[in-house]
Amino acid sequence: MAKWWMVRAGDNNELLPIWQSKDIISIGWQALGDARKYSSREALIQRANQIYSEEKPGTRIQWASQVWKFSNEITINDRIITYEKDSREYLIGTATGEYEYNPSVHAYYPNIIQVKWDKKRLSRDILSQGAKNSLGAISTVFRVDDWGSEFETLLEGKVVNVKSDPDDNDPEFNNEDFVQQAKSMVEDAIDRLDPWQMQDLVAGILQAMGYQVRVSPKGPDGGVDILAHKDAFGFEQPIIKVQVKHRNDKSSAPEIQQLLGANPMGGSCIFVATGGFKTTAVKVAQQNDVKLLDLTGLADLVTNWYESLPSETKALIPMKKIYIPFR
C-alpha cells in the first residue's frame, strides 16, 4: 500500500521551480553525504552528532531522522505532497525512482527522489481542519497517511467525509510542529476574511503599534487603502500609506509603483498582498524601500501584536493564548 508523505520545498518554496522542471523532490543536510553509506538510523544520528555538534541534541536527532526517512522509507509509488505558499495549493505527485545522492542537481539539496507530478492541485481551503493541522507541521519530511483517502477523494472531485480524530503515526511529532500548526491556523483564519475585513485587520495592527489610522471607504481609493501617522492631524512624519490586496494572484510591479505615486508623495509605503508578490514587484519594492507583507508576514504581526489590538480587530480573528512546555 502506498504511503503518503509531506515534503517541504525549502523554507520559502525556493525549490519548487527545480522540482517541477526536473520532476524530483530534494532535501538538504548535504554535510551528511550519501545516506546509503549508513547502515542504520542510529549510525546516521551518530554522524549528525559529530557534524552538527553546536545544535541541540533533539535537533540533531530530528535532522538525521528526516534524512533517514527520505532515503530509506520513501519507496516507488509512494504519494508525495508539497505546499506552494503563494497560491495556497498543494502539489501532489508519485515517487517514480529510488533515492539518490546527486550534488550536481543541487549542491545544497543533493538528496533526491524522482517524482511524477499530477496536473491537478488541491487548494488548502477545501481540506478538512484535521488535514490542515497535520500538513502544517514544521518538519521537512513526515508521513500523512491518515489523510491519504481524503486527498484521493478530493483529487477525484468528490466531497470528503471529514475524519475527526486521526491516529498520530509519526512518533517524532514535537512541540515545534505544534507551534507551526498554530501559525498555519492563524494564516487560514486571516485568509477567510473578506477584503474589507482585511483592511480593518491591517489598520488594527497599525493602531496596536501606536499609529492613528484612516481607512479609505469602499470604492476607488487612489492606490491607498490606509493612511497611518503618529499625530492626530497627520502632520508628523513618518506618514505611512498602505495598499492591501486580498486575493490569490501575486501582486505586480505596476501595483507597487501605483502606491509609490499615490498621495501623499514621499510617504513611507507598505504593500500587503496575501497572494504574494511577483519577482519584478519585489525588485521595485527593494529599490524604493517599500515594505512587503505576504500572508505569513501578516500572520506573524497578528500573533506578535494580538494583545494590543483593538477589540473590534480581535473580533475578526478570535484567539486564545496557551502555554506548552519545550523540555
C-alpha atoms as a PDB file:
ATOM      1  CA  MET A   1       0.000   0.000   0.000  1.00  0.00           C
ATOM      2  CA  ALA A   2       1.402   3.407  -0.993  1.00  0.00           C
ATOM      3  CA  LYS A   3       2.447   5.721   1.814  1.00  0.00           C
ATOM      4  CA  TRP A   4       1.696   9.452   1.834  1.00  0.00           C
ATOM      5  CA  TRP A   5       4.498  11.917   2.545  1.00  0.00           C
ATOM      6  CA  MET A   6       4.665  15.665   3.061  1.00  0.00           C
ATOM      7  CA  VAL A   7       7.989  17.084   1.797  1.00  0.00           C
ATOM      8  CA  ARG A   8       8.632  20.823   2.127  1.00  0.00           C
ATOM      9  CA  ALA A   9      10.232  22.660  -0.808  1.00  0.00           C
ATOM     10  CA  GLY A  10      12.716  24.685   1.243  1.00  0.00           C
ATOM     11  CA  ASP A  11      11.998  27.401   3.773  1.00  0.00           C
ATOM     12  CA  ASN A  12      10.355  29.716   1.232  1.00  0.00           C
ATOM     13  CA  ASN A  13       9.298  27.390  -1.589  1.00  0.00           C
ATOM     14  CA  GLU A  14      12.585  28.197  -3.335  1.00  0.00           C
ATOM     15  CA  LEU A  15      12.954  24.582  -4.505  1.00  0.00           C
ATOM     16  CA  LEU A  16       9.614  24.351  -6.314  1.00  0.00           C
ATOM     17  CA  PRO A  17      10.837  25.565  -9.726  1.00  0.00           C
ATOM     18  CA  ILE A  18      13.611  22.963  -9.916  1.00  0.00           C
ATOM     19  CA  TRP A  19      11.319  20.245  -8.507  1.00  0.00           C
ATOM     20  CA  GLN A  20       8.766  20.885 -11.227  1.00  0.00           C
ATOM     21  CA  SER A  21      11.259  21.285 -14.069  1.00  0.00           C
ATOM     22  CA  LYS A  22      13.225  18.141 -13.175  1.00  0.00           C
ATOM     23  CA  ASP A  23      10.378  16.038 -11.707  1.00  0.00           C
ATOM     24  CA  ILE A  24      12.093  15.499  -8.367  1.00  0.00           C
ATOM     25  CA  ILE A  25      11.920  16.183  -4.661  1.00  0.00           C
ATOM     26  CA  SER A  26      15.072  17.016  -2.732  1.00  0.00           C
ATOM     27  CA  ILE A  27      16.259  17.776   0.793  1.00  0.00           C
ATOM     28  CA  GLY A  28      19.448  19.194   2.285  1.00  0.00           C
ATOM     29  CA  TRP A  29      21.841  18.313   5.115  1.00  0.00           C
ATOM     30  CA  GLN A  30      24.487  17.796   2.456  1.00  0.00           C
ATOM     31  CA  ALA A  31      27.250  17.568   5.091  1.00  0.00           C
ATOM     32  CA  LEU A  32      25.979  14.078   5.974  1.00  0.00           C
ATOM     33  CA  GLY A  33      26.823  12.888   2.469  1.00  0.00           C
ATOM     34  CA  ASP A  34      25.216   9.886   0.779  1.00  0.00           C
ATOM     35  CA  ALA A  35      22.691   8.428   3.226  1.00  0.00           C
ATOM     36  CA  ARG A  36      23.145   4.958   1.705  1.00  0.00           C
ATOM     37  CA  LYS A  37      26.549   4.601   3.360  1.00  0.00           C
ATOM     38  CA  TYR A  38      24.936   4.458   6.806  1.00  0.00           C
ATOM     39  CA  SER A  39      23.810   1.028   7.947  1.00  0.00           C
ATOM     40  CA  SER A  40      21.151   2.283  10.365  1.00  0.00           C
ATOM     41  CA  ARG A  41      19.284   5.348  11.558  1.00  0.00           C
ATOM     42  CA  GLU A  42      21.393   5.277  14.721  1.00  0.00           C
ATOM     43  CA  ALA A  43      24.605   5.438  12.683  1.00  0.00           C
ATOM     44  CA  LEU A  44      23.248   8.449  10.811  1.00  0.00           C
ATOM     45  CA  ILE A  45      22.329  10.141  14.105  1.00  0.00           C
ATOM     46  CA  GLN A  46      25.820   9.460  15.437  1.00  0.00           C
ATOM     47  CA  ARG A  47      27.318  11.184  12.390  1.00  0.00           C
ATOM     48  CA  ALA A  48      24.901  14.105  12.763  1.00  0.00           C
ATOM     49  CA  ASN A  49      26.024  14.476  16.393  1.00  0.00           C
ATOM     50  CA  GLN A  50      29.579  14.943  15.115  1.00  0.00           C
ATOM     51  CA  ILE A  51      28.813  17.297  12.232  1.00  0.00           C
ATOM     52  CA  TYR A  52      26.155  19.437  13.908  1.00  0.00           C
ATOM     53  CA  SER A  53      27.627  19.424  17.416  1.00  0.00           C
ATOM     54  CA  GLU A  54      26.612  23.049  18.023  1.00  0.00           C
ATOM     55  CA  GLU A  55      22.925  22.239  17.564  1.00  0.00           C
ATOM     56  CA  LYS A  56      20.635  20.935  20.306  1.00  0.00           C
ATOM     57  CA  PRO A  57      20.603  17.117  20.681  1.00  0.00           C
ATOM     58  CA  GLY A  58      16.915  16.947  19.776  1.00  0.00           C
ATOM     59  CA  THR A  59      17.534  18.990  16.629  1.00  0.00           C
ATOM     60  CA  ARG A  60      20.382  16.702  15.548  1.00  0.00           C
ATOM     61  CA  ILE A  61      18.184  13.622  16.017  1.00  0.00           C
ATOM     62  CA  GLN A  62      15.323  15.204  14.093  1.00  0.00           C
ATOM     63  CA  TRP A  63      17.535  16.224  11.157  1.00  0.00           C
ATOM     64  CA  ALA A  64      19.172  12.813  10.863  1.00  0.00           C
ATOM     65  CA  SER A  65      15.797  11.077  11.190  1.00  0.00           C
ATOM     66  CA  GLN A  66      14.355  13.106   8.328  1.00  0.00           C
ATOM     67  CA  VAL A  67      17.282  12.213   6.068  1.00  0.00           C
ATOM     68  CA  TRP A  68      16.828   8.546   7.041  1.00  0.00           C
ATOM     69  CA  LYS A  69      13.098   8.638   6.254  1.00  0.00           C
ATOM     70  CA  PHE A  70      13.724  10.319   2.923  1.00  0.00           C
ATOM     71  CA  SER A  71      16.466   7.937   1.845  1.00  0.00           C
ATOM     72  CA  ASN A  72      15.172   4.645   3.263  1.00  0.00           C
ATOM     73  CA  GLU A  73      11.416   4.838   3.804  1.00  0.00           C
ATOM     74  CA  ILE A  74      10.069   6.643   0.728  1.00  0.00           C
ATOM     75  CA  THR A  75       9.618   3.996  -1.960  1.00  0.00           C
ATOM     76  CA  ILE A  76       8.453   3.863  -5.577  1.00  0.00           C
ATOM     77  CA  ASN A  77       4.698   4.577  -5.937  1.00  0.00           C
ATOM     78  CA  ASP A  78       4.514   6.432  -2.615  1.00  0.00           C
ATOM     79  CA  ARG A  79       2.490   9.633  -2.859  1.00  0.00           C
ATOM     80  CA  ILE A  80       4.232  12.982  -2.303  1.00  0.00           C
ATOM     81  CA  ILE A  81       2.650  16.267  -1.194  1.00  0.00           C
ATOM     82  CA  THR A  82       4.246  19.707  -1.058  1.00  0.00           C
ATOM     83  CA  TYR A  83       2.821  23.171  -0.438  1.00  0.00           C
ATOM     84  CA  GLU A  84       3.020  26.344  -2.526  1.00  0.00           C
ATOM     85  CA  LYS A  85       2.524  29.239  -0.115  1.00  0.00           C
ATOM     86  CA  ASP A  86       1.720  31.938  -2.650  1.00  0.00           C
ATOM     87  CA  SER A  87      -1.201  30.078  -4.239  1.00  0.00           C
ATOM     88  CA  ARG A  88      -2.121  28.212  -1.014  1.00  0.00           C
ATOM     89  CA  GLU A  89      -2.233  24.996  -3.019  1.00  0.00           C
ATOM     90  CA  TYR A  90      -0.825  21.509  -2.535  1.00  0.00           C
ATOM     91  CA  LEU A  91       1.066  19.819  -5.344  1.00  0.00           C
ATOM     92  CA  ILE A  92       0.720  16.048  -5.388  1.00  0.00           C
ATOM     93  CA  GLY A  93       2.919  13.516  -7.142  1.00  0.00           C
ATOM     94  CA  THR A  94       4.095   9.913  -7.159  1.00  0.00           C
ATOM     95  CA  ALA A  95       7.620   8.685  -6.420  1.00  0.00           C
ATOM     96  CA  THR A  96       8.988   7.042  -9.583  1.00  0.00           C
ATOM     97  CA  GLY A  97      12.573   6.313  -8.572  1.00  0.00           C
ATOM     98  CA  GLU A  98      14.782   5.234  -5.692  1.00  0.00           C
ATOM     99  CA  TYR A  99      16.755   7.617  -3.504  1.00  0.00           C
ATOM    100  CA  GLU A 100      19.998   9.011  -4.912  1.00  0.00           C
ATOM    101  CA  TYR A 101      22.673  11.404  -3.700  1.00  0.00           C
ATOM    102  CA  ASN A 102      23.392  13.805  -6.555  1.00  0.00           C
ATOM    103  CA  PRO A 103      25.063  17.156  -5.732  1.00  0.00           C
ATOM    104  CA  SER A 104      25.182  18.025  -9.443  1.00  0.00           C
ATOM    105  CA  VAL A 105      21.417  18.689  -9.379  1.00  0.00           C
ATOM    106  CA  HIS A 106      21.615  20.997  -6.364  1.00  0.00           C
ATOM    107  CA  ALA A 107      24.728  21.427  -4.202  1.00  0.00           C
ATOM    108  CA  TYR A 108      22.785  22.291  -1.050  1.00  0.00           C
ATOM    109  CA  TYR A 109      19.899  19.841  -1.582  1.00  0.00           C
ATOM    110  CA  PRO A 110      21.641  16.764  -3.016  1.00  0.00           C
ATOM    111  CA  ASN A 111      19.323  14.082  -1.577  1.00  0.00           C
ATOM    112  CA  ILE A 112      16.951  13.364  -4.463  1.00  0.00           C
ATOM    113  CA  ILE A 113      13.991  11.172  -5.439  1.00  0.00           C
ATOM    114  CA  GLN A 114      12.327  11.231  -8.866  1.00  0.00           C
ATOM    115  CA  VAL A 115       8.637  12.227  -8.781  1.00  0.00           C
ATOM    116  CA  LYS A 116       5.868  12.468 -11.387  1.00  0.00           C
ATOM    117  CA  TRP A 117       3.760  15.499 -10.510  1.00  0.00           C
ATOM    118  CA  ASP A 118      -0.025  15.421 -11.018  1.00  0.00           C
ATOM    119  CA  LYS A 119      -1.569  18.197 -13.086  1.00  0.00           C
ATOM    120  CA  LYS A 120      -4.332  18.798 -10.556  1.00  0.00           C
ATOM    121  CA  ARG A 121      -3.619  20.743  -7.389  1.00  0.00           C
ATOM    122  CA  LEU A 122      -5.624  20.968  -4.168  1.00  0.00           C
ATOM    123  CA  SER A 123      -6.492  24.279  -2.538  1.00  0.00           C
ATOM    124  CA  ARG A 124      -5.778  24.358   1.185  1.00  0.00           C
ATOM    125  CA  ASP A 125      -9.230  25.861   1.683  1.00  0.00           C
ATOM    126  CA  ILE A 126     -11.018  22.630   0.682  1.00  0.00           C
ATOM    127  CA  LEU A 127      -9.171  20.377   3.137  1.00  0.00           C
ATOM    128  CA  SER A 128     -10.646  19.316   6.459  1.00  0.00           C
ATOM    129  CA  GLN A 129      -9.270  21.074   9.524  1.00  0.00           C
ATOM    130  CA  GLY A 130      -7.544  17.882  10.643  1.00  0.00           C
ATOM    131  CA  ALA A 131      -5.682  17.604   7.355  1.00  0.00           C
ATOM    132  CA  LYS A 132      -4.710  21.273   7.514  1.00  0.00           C
ATOM    133  CA  ASN A 133      -3.349  20.803  11.021  1.00  0.00           C
ATOM    134  CA  SER A 134      -1.302  17.736  10.080  1.00  0.00           C
ATOM    135  CA  LEU A 135       0.135  19.353   6.957  1.00  0.00           C
ATOM    136  CA  GLY A 136       1.126  22.424   8.962  1.00  0.00           C
ATOM    137  CA  ALA A 137       3.909  20.641  10.875  1.00  0.00           C
ATOM    138  CA  ILE A 138       7.329  22.261  10.585  1.00  0.00           C
ATOM    139  CA  SER A 139       9.327  19.120   9.708  1.00  0.00           C
ATOM    140  CA  THR A 140      10.764  18.813   6.205  1.00  0.00           C
ATOM    141  CA  VAL A 141       9.721  15.176   5.706  1.00  0.00           C
ATOM    142  CA  PHE A 142       6.857  13.425   7.512  1.00  0.00           C
ATOM    143  CA  ARG A 143       4.079  10.883   6.978  1.00  0.00           C
ATOM    144  CA  VAL A 144       0.451  11.936   6.429  1.00  0.00           C
ATOM    145  CA  ASP A 145      -1.127   8.527   5.743  1.00  0.00           C
ATOM    146  CA  ASP A 146      -4.203   9.350   7.827  1.00  0.00           C
ATOM    147  CA  TRP A 147      -5.280  11.843   5.192  1.00  0.00           C
ATOM    148  CA  GLY A 148      -4.457   9.840   2.077  1.00  0.00           C
ATOM    149  CA  SER A 149      -8.048   8.832   1.436  1.00  0.00           C
ATOM    150  CA  GLU A 150      -9.146  12.465   1.767  1.00  0.00           C
ATOM    151  CA  PHE A 151      -6.570  13.602  -0.782  1.00  0.00           C
ATOM    152  CA  GLU A 152      -7.577  10.862  -3.216  1.00  0.00           C
ATOM    153  CA  THR A 153     -11.257  11.757  -2.828  1.00  0.00           C
ATOM    154  CA  LEU A 154     -10.582  15.433  -3.477  1.00  0.00           C
ATOM    155  CA  LEU A 155      -8.427  14.628  -6.494  1.00  0.00           C
ATOM    156  CA  GLU A 156     -11.404  12.724  -7.908  1.00  0.00           C
ATOM    157  CA  GLY A 157     -13.561  15.843  -7.441  1.00  0.00           C
ATOM    158  CA  LYS A 158     -15.716  14.284  -4.737  1.00  0.00           C
ATOM    159  CA  VAL A 159     -16.844  15.626  -1.356  1.00  0.00           C
ATOM    160  CA  VAL A 160     -14.906  14.276   1.623  1.00  0.00           C
ATOM    161  CA  ASN A 161     -16.327  12.762   4.779  1.00  0.00           C
ATOM    162  CA  VAL A 162     -14.389  14.609   7.464  1.00  0.00           C
ATOM    163  CA  LYS A 163     -12.229  12.437   9.689  1.00  0.00           C
ATOM    164  CA  SER A 164     -12.306  13.878  13.175  1.00  0.00           C
ATOM    165  CA  ASP A 165      -9.634  12.142  15.240  1.00  0.00           C
ATOM    166  CA  PRO A 166      -6.734  10.661  13.274  1.00  0.00           C
ATOM    167  CA  ASP A 167      -4.096   8.486  14.872  1.00  0.00           C
ATOM    168  CA  ASP A 168      -0.649  10.014  15.145  1.00  0.00           C
ATOM    169  CA  ASN A 169       1.552   7.755  13.035  1.00  0.00           C
ATOM    170  CA  ASP A 170       4.687   9.878  13.392  1.00  0.00           C
ATOM    171  CA  PRO A 171       6.203   9.419  16.864  1.00  0.00           C
ATOM    172  CA  GLU A 172       8.664  12.254  16.266  1.00  0.00           C
ATOM    173  CA  PHE A 173       5.978  14.939  16.276  1.00  0.00           C
ATOM    174  CA  ASN A 174       7.323  17.688  18.568  1.00  0.00           C
ATOM    175  CA  ASN A 175       6.364  20.987  20.119  1.00  0.00           C
ATOM    176  CA  GLU A 176       7.871  22.954  17.229  1.00  0.00           C
ATOM    177  CA  ASP A 177       5.436  21.140  14.943  1.00  0.00           C
ATOM    178  CA  PHE A 178       2.604  22.188  17.234  1.00  0.00           C
ATOM    179  CA  VAL A 179       3.704  25.834  17.056  1.00  0.00           C
ATOM    180  CA  GLN A 180       3.948  25.704  13.263  1.00  0.00           C
ATOM    181  CA  GLN A 181       0.470  24.178  13.046  1.00  0.00           C
ATOM    182  CA  ALA A 182      -0.850  27.035  15.175  1.00  0.00           C
ATOM    183  CA  LYS A 183       0.763  29.553  12.808  1.00  0.00           C
ATOM    184  CA  SER A 184      -0.863  27.820   9.841  1.00  0.00           C
ATOM    185  CA  MET A 185      -4.242  28.031  11.569  1.00  0.00           C
ATOM    186  CA  VAL A 186      -3.757  31.789  12.065  1.00  0.00           C
ATOM    187  CA  GLU A 187      -2.961  32.130   8.344  1.00  0.00           C
ATOM    188  CA  ASP A 188      -6.133  30.182   7.499  1.00  0.00           C
ATOM    189  CA  ALA A 189      -8.227  32.441   9.733  1.00  0.00           C
ATOM    190  CA  ILE A 190      -6.791  35.573   8.107  1.00  0.00           C
ATOM    191  CA  ASP A 191      -7.309  34.172   4.610  1.00  0.00           C
ATOM    192  CA  ARG A 192     -11.018  33.647   5.331  1.00  0.00           C
ATOM    193  CA  LEU A 193     -11.560  37.394   5.865  1.00  0.00           C
ATOM    194  CA  ASP A 194     -13.176  39.404   3.088  1.00  0.00           C
ATOM    195  CA  PRO A 195     -11.231  42.310   1.506  1.00  0.00           C
ATOM    196  CA  TRP A 196     -12.819  44.943   3.733  1.00  0.00           C
ATOM    197  CA  GLN A 197     -12.169  42.948   6.881  1.00  0.00           C
ATOM    198  CA  MET A 198      -8.571  42.523   5.718  1.00  0.00           C
ATOM    199  CA  GLN A 199      -8.209  46.314   5.519  1.00  0.00           C
ATOM    200  CA  ASP A 200      -9.615  46.611   9.034  1.00  0.00           C
ATOM    201  CA  LEU A 201      -7.181  43.957  10.273  1.00  0.00           C
ATOM    202  CA  VAL A 202      -4.154  45.793   8.866  1.00  0.00           C
ATOM    203  CA  ALA A 203      -5.469  49.081  10.273  1.00  0.00           C
ATOM    204  CA  GLY A 204      -5.901  47.436  13.684  1.00  0.00           C
ATOM    205  CA  ILE A 205      -2.297  46.198  13.644  1.00  0.00           C
ATOM    206  CA  LEU A 206      -1.063  49.722  12.921  1.00  0.00           C
ATOM    207  CA  GLN A 207      -3.208  51.043  15.769  1.00  0.00           C
ATOM    208  CA  ALA A 208      -1.672  48.449  18.076  1.00  0.00           C
ATOM    209  CA  MET A 209       1.739  49.812  17.055  1.00  0.00           C
ATOM    210  CA  GLY A 210       0.707  53.294  18.151  1.00  0.00           C
ATOM    211  CA  TYR A 211      -0.415  54.875  14.875  1.00  0.00           C
ATOM    212  CA  GLN A 212      -3.515  56.917  14.107  1.00  0.00           C
ATOM    213  CA  VAL A 213      -5.186  55.386  11.042  1.00  0.00           C
ATOM    214  CA  ARG A 214      -7.649  56.417   8.364  1.00  0.00           C
ATOM    215  CA  VAL A 215      -9.190  53.641   6.256  1.00  0.00           C
ATOM    216  CA  SER A 216     -10.445  54.510   2.765  1.00  0.00           C
ATOM    217  CA  PRO A 217     -14.190  53.946   2.237  1.00  0.00           C
ATOM    218  CA  LYS A 218     -15.412  51.376  -0.255  1.00  0.00           C
ATOM    219  CA  GLY A 219     -14.857  52.426  -3.850  1.00  0.00           C
ATOM    220  CA  PRO A 220     -11.847  53.864  -5.742  1.00  0.00           C
ATOM    221  CA  ASP A 221      -9.048  54.564  -3.277  1.00  0.00           C
ATOM    222  CA  GLY A 222      -6.440  56.215  -5.497  1.00  0.00           C
ATOM    223  CA  GLY A 223      -3.970  53.440  -4.735  1.00  0.00           C
ATOM    224  CA  VAL A 224      -4.042  53.876  -0.945  1.00  0.00           C
ATOM    225  CA  ASP A 225      -6.274  51.835   1.365  1.00  0.00           C
ATOM    226  CA  ILE A 226      -4.937  53.069   4.715  1.00  0.00           C
ATOM    227  CA  LEU A 227      -3.093  56.169   5.897  1.00  0.00           C
ATOM    228  CA  ALA A 228      -1.238  55.925   9.206  1.00  0.00           C
ATOM    229  CA  HIS A 229       0.526  58.661  11.187  1.00  0.00           C
ATOM    230  CA  LYS A 230       1.687  59.303  14.737  1.00  0.00           C
ATOM    231  CA  ASP A 231      -0.146  62.559  15.481  1.00  0.00           C
ATOM    232  CA  ALA A 232      -3.886  63.189  15.446  1.00  0.00           C
ATOM    233  CA  PHE A 233      -3.764  65.585  12.475  1.00  0.00           C
ATOM    234  CA  GLY A 234      -1.412  63.584  10.256  1.00  0.00           C
ATOM    235  CA  PHE A 235       1.348  66.214  10.034  1.00  0.00           C
ATOM    236  CA  GLU A 236       4.111  64.377  11.837  1.00  0.00           C
ATOM    237  CA  GLN A 237       6.451  62.138   9.871  1.00  0.00           C
ATOM    238  CA  PRO A 238       6.532  59.315   9.102  1.00  0.00           C
ATOM    239  CA  ILE A 239       3.247  59.194   7.235  1.00  0.00           C
ATOM    240  CA  ILE A 240       2.603  55.642   6.070  1.00  0.00           C
ATOM    241  CA  LYS A 241       0.435  54.753   3.099  1.00  0.00           C
ATOM    242  CA  VAL A 242      -0.759  51.184   2.790  1.00  0.00           C
ATOM    243  CA  GLN A 243      -2.254  49.182  -0.058  1.00  0.00           C
ATOM    244  CA  VAL A 244      -3.999  45.898   0.775  1.00  0.00           C
ATOM    245  CA  LYS A 245      -4.633  43.181  -1.838  1.00  0.00           C
ATOM    246  CA  HIS A 246      -6.504  40.126  -0.583  1.00  0.00           C
ATOM    247  CA  ARG A 247      -6.559  37.614  -3.428  1.00  0.00           C
ATOM    248  CA  ASN A 248      -4.799  34.500  -4.741  1.00  0.00           C
ATOM    249  CA  ASP A 249      -2.927  36.263  -7.572  1.00  0.00           C
ATOM    250  CA  LYS A 250       0.558  37.648  -6.969  1.00  0.00           C
ATOM    251  CA  SER A 251       0.842  41.430  -6.896  1.00  0.00           C
ATOM    252  CA  SER A 252       2.821  43.081  -9.694  1.00  0.00           C
ATOM    253  CA  ALA A 253       5.436  45.809 -10.115  1.00  0.00           C
ATOM    254  CA  PRO A 254       2.927  48.348 -11.578  1.00  0.00           C
ATOM    255  CA  GLU A 255       0.818  47.986  -8.420  1.00  0.00           C
ATOM    256  CA  ILE A 256       3.855  48.800  -6.273  1.00  0.00           C
ATOM    257  CA  GLN A 257       4.595  51.801  -8.498  1.00  0.00           C
ATOM    258  CA  GLN A 258       0.987  52.984  -8.196  1.00  0.00           C
ATOM    259  CA  LEU A 259       1.332  53.037  -4.415  1.00  0.00           C
ATOM    260  CA  LEU A 260       4.607  54.955  -4.672  1.00  0.00           C
ATOM    261  CA  GLY A 261       2.959  57.560  -6.907  1.00  0.00           C
ATOM    262  CA  ALA A 262      -0.162  57.993  -4.793  1.00  0.00           C
ATOM    263  CA  ASN A 263      -0.690  60.945  -2.450  1.00  0.00           C
ATOM    264  CA  PRO A 264       0.773  61.820  -0.055  1.00  0.00           C
ATOM    265  CA  MET A 265       4.013  61.858  -2.042  1.00  0.00           C
ATOM    266  CA  GLY A 266       7.079  60.930  -0.060  1.00  0.00           C
ATOM    267  CA  GLY A 267       5.187  58.847   2.483  1.00  0.00           C
ATOM    268  CA  SER A 268       6.584  55.513   3.618  1.00  0.00           C
ATOM    269  CA  CYS A 269       4.897  52.581   1.878  1.00  0.00           C
ATOM    270  CA  ILE A 270       3.595  49.201   2.986  1.00  0.00           C
ATOM    271  CA  PHE A 271       2.091  46.798   0.453  1.00  0.00           C
ATOM    272  CA  VAL A 272       0.102  43.870   1.859  1.00  0.00           C
ATOM    273  CA  ALA A 273      -0.685  41.014  -0.537  1.00  0.00           C
ATOM    274  CA  THR A 274      -1.978  37.698   0.746  1.00  0.00           C
ATOM    275  CA  GLY A 275      -1.262  36.140  -2.643  1.00  0.00           C
ATOM    276  CA  GLY A 276       2.412  37.085  -2.521  1.00  0.00           C
ATOM    277  CA  PHE A 277       4.490  39.086  -4.985  1.00  0.00           C
ATOM    278  CA  LYS A 278       5.956  38.636  -8.449  1.00  0.00           C
ATOM    279  CA  THR A 279       9.747  38.802  -8.714  1.00  0.00           C
ATOM    280  CA  THR A 280       9.570  42.148 -10.523  1.00  0.00           C
ATOM    281  CA  ALA A 281       7.406  43.556  -7.728  1.00  0.00           C
ATOM    282  CA  VAL A 282       9.969  42.503  -5.132  1.00  0.00           C
ATOM    283  CA  LYS A 283      12.731  44.270  -7.112  1.00  0.00           C
ATOM    284  CA  VAL A 284      10.746  47.512  -7.385  1.00  0.00           C
ATOM    285  CA  ALA A 285       9.947  47.356  -3.665  1.00  0.00           C
ATOM    286  CA  GLN A 286      13.599  46.841  -2.730  1.00  0.00           C
ATOM    287  CA  GLN A 287      14.691  49.736  -4.932  1.00  0.00           C
ATOM    288  CA  ASN A 288      12.169  52.094  -3.296  1.00  0.00           C
ATOM    289  CA  ASP A 289      12.195  50.886   0.327  1.00  0.00           C
ATOM    290  CA  VAL A 290       8.631  49.577   0.172  1.00  0.00           C
ATOM    291  CA  LYS A 291       7.822  47.123   2.948  1.00  0.00           C
ATOM    292  CA  LEU A 292       6.140  43.978   1.566  1.00  0.00           C
ATOM    293  CA  LEU A 293       3.887  41.772   3.686  1.00  0.00           C
ATOM    294  CA  ASP A 294       2.554  38.420   2.473  1.00  0.00           C
ATOM    295  CA  LEU A 295       0.129  36.176   4.353  1.00  0.00           C
ATOM    296  CA  THR A 296       2.867  34.659   6.510  1.00  0.00           C
ATOM    297  CA  GLY A 297       4.261  38.063   7.466  1.00  0.00           C
ATOM    298  CA  LEU A 298       0.783  39.339   8.268  1.00  0.00           C
ATOM    299  CA  ALA A 299       0.101  36.309  10.481  1.00  0.00           C
ATOM    300  CA  ASP A 300       3.350  36.952  12.369  1.00  0.00           C
ATOM    301  CA  LEU A 301       2.288  40.549  13.039  1.00  0.00           C
ATOM    302  CA  VAL A 302      -1.141  39.446  14.240  1.00  0.00           C
ATOM    303  CA  THR A 303       0.464  36.969  16.643  1.00  0.00           C
ATOM    304  CA  ASN A 304       3.079  39.421  17.935  1.00  0.00           C
ATOM    305  CA  TRP A 305       0.657  42.336  18.453  1.00  0.00           C
ATOM    306  CA  TYR A 306      -2.532  40.455  19.288  1.00  0.00           C
ATOM    307  CA  GLU A 307      -2.757  41.539  22.927  1.00  0.00           C
ATOM    308  CA  SER A 308      -2.608  45.213  21.873  1.00  0.00           C
ATOM    309  CA  LEU A 309      -5.134  45.004  19.030  1.00  0.00           C
ATOM    310  CA  PRO A 310      -8.396  46.980  19.358  1.00  0.00           C
ATOM    311  CA  SER A 311     -11.280  44.792  20.493  1.00  0.00           C
ATOM    312  CA  GLU A 312     -13.058  45.096  17.135  1.00  0.00           C
ATOM    313  CA  THR A 313      -9.910  43.840  15.387  1.00  0.00           C
ATOM    314  CA  LYS A 314      -9.555  40.902  17.767  1.00  0.00           C
ATOM    315  CA  ALA A 315     -13.156  40.004  16.946  1.00  0.00           C
ATOM    316  CA  LEU A 316     -12.099  39.384  13.329  1.00  0.00           C
ATOM    317  CA  ILE A 317      -9.731  36.610  14.452  1.00  0.00           C
ATOM    318  CA  PRO A 318     -10.616  35.382  17.956  1.00  0.00           C
ATOM    319  CA  MET A 319      -7.593  33.646  19.510  1.00  0.00           C
ATOM    320  CA  LYS A 320      -6.584  32.280  22.890  1.00  0.00           C
ATOM    321  CA  LYS A 321      -3.077  32.175  24.342  1.00  0.00           C
ATOM    322  CA  ILE A 322      -1.816  28.798  25.555  1.00  0.00           C
ATOM    323  CA  TYR A 323       1.494  27.638  27.008  1.00  0.00           C
ATOM    324  CA  ILE A 324       3.300  24.417  26.125  1.00  0.00           C
ATOM    325  CA  PRO A 325       6.487  23.010  27.673  1.00  0.00           C
ATOM    326  CA  PHE A 326       9.581  22.841  25.467  1.00  0.00           C
ATOM    327  CA  ARG A 327      11.585  20.414  27.624  1.00  0.00           C
END
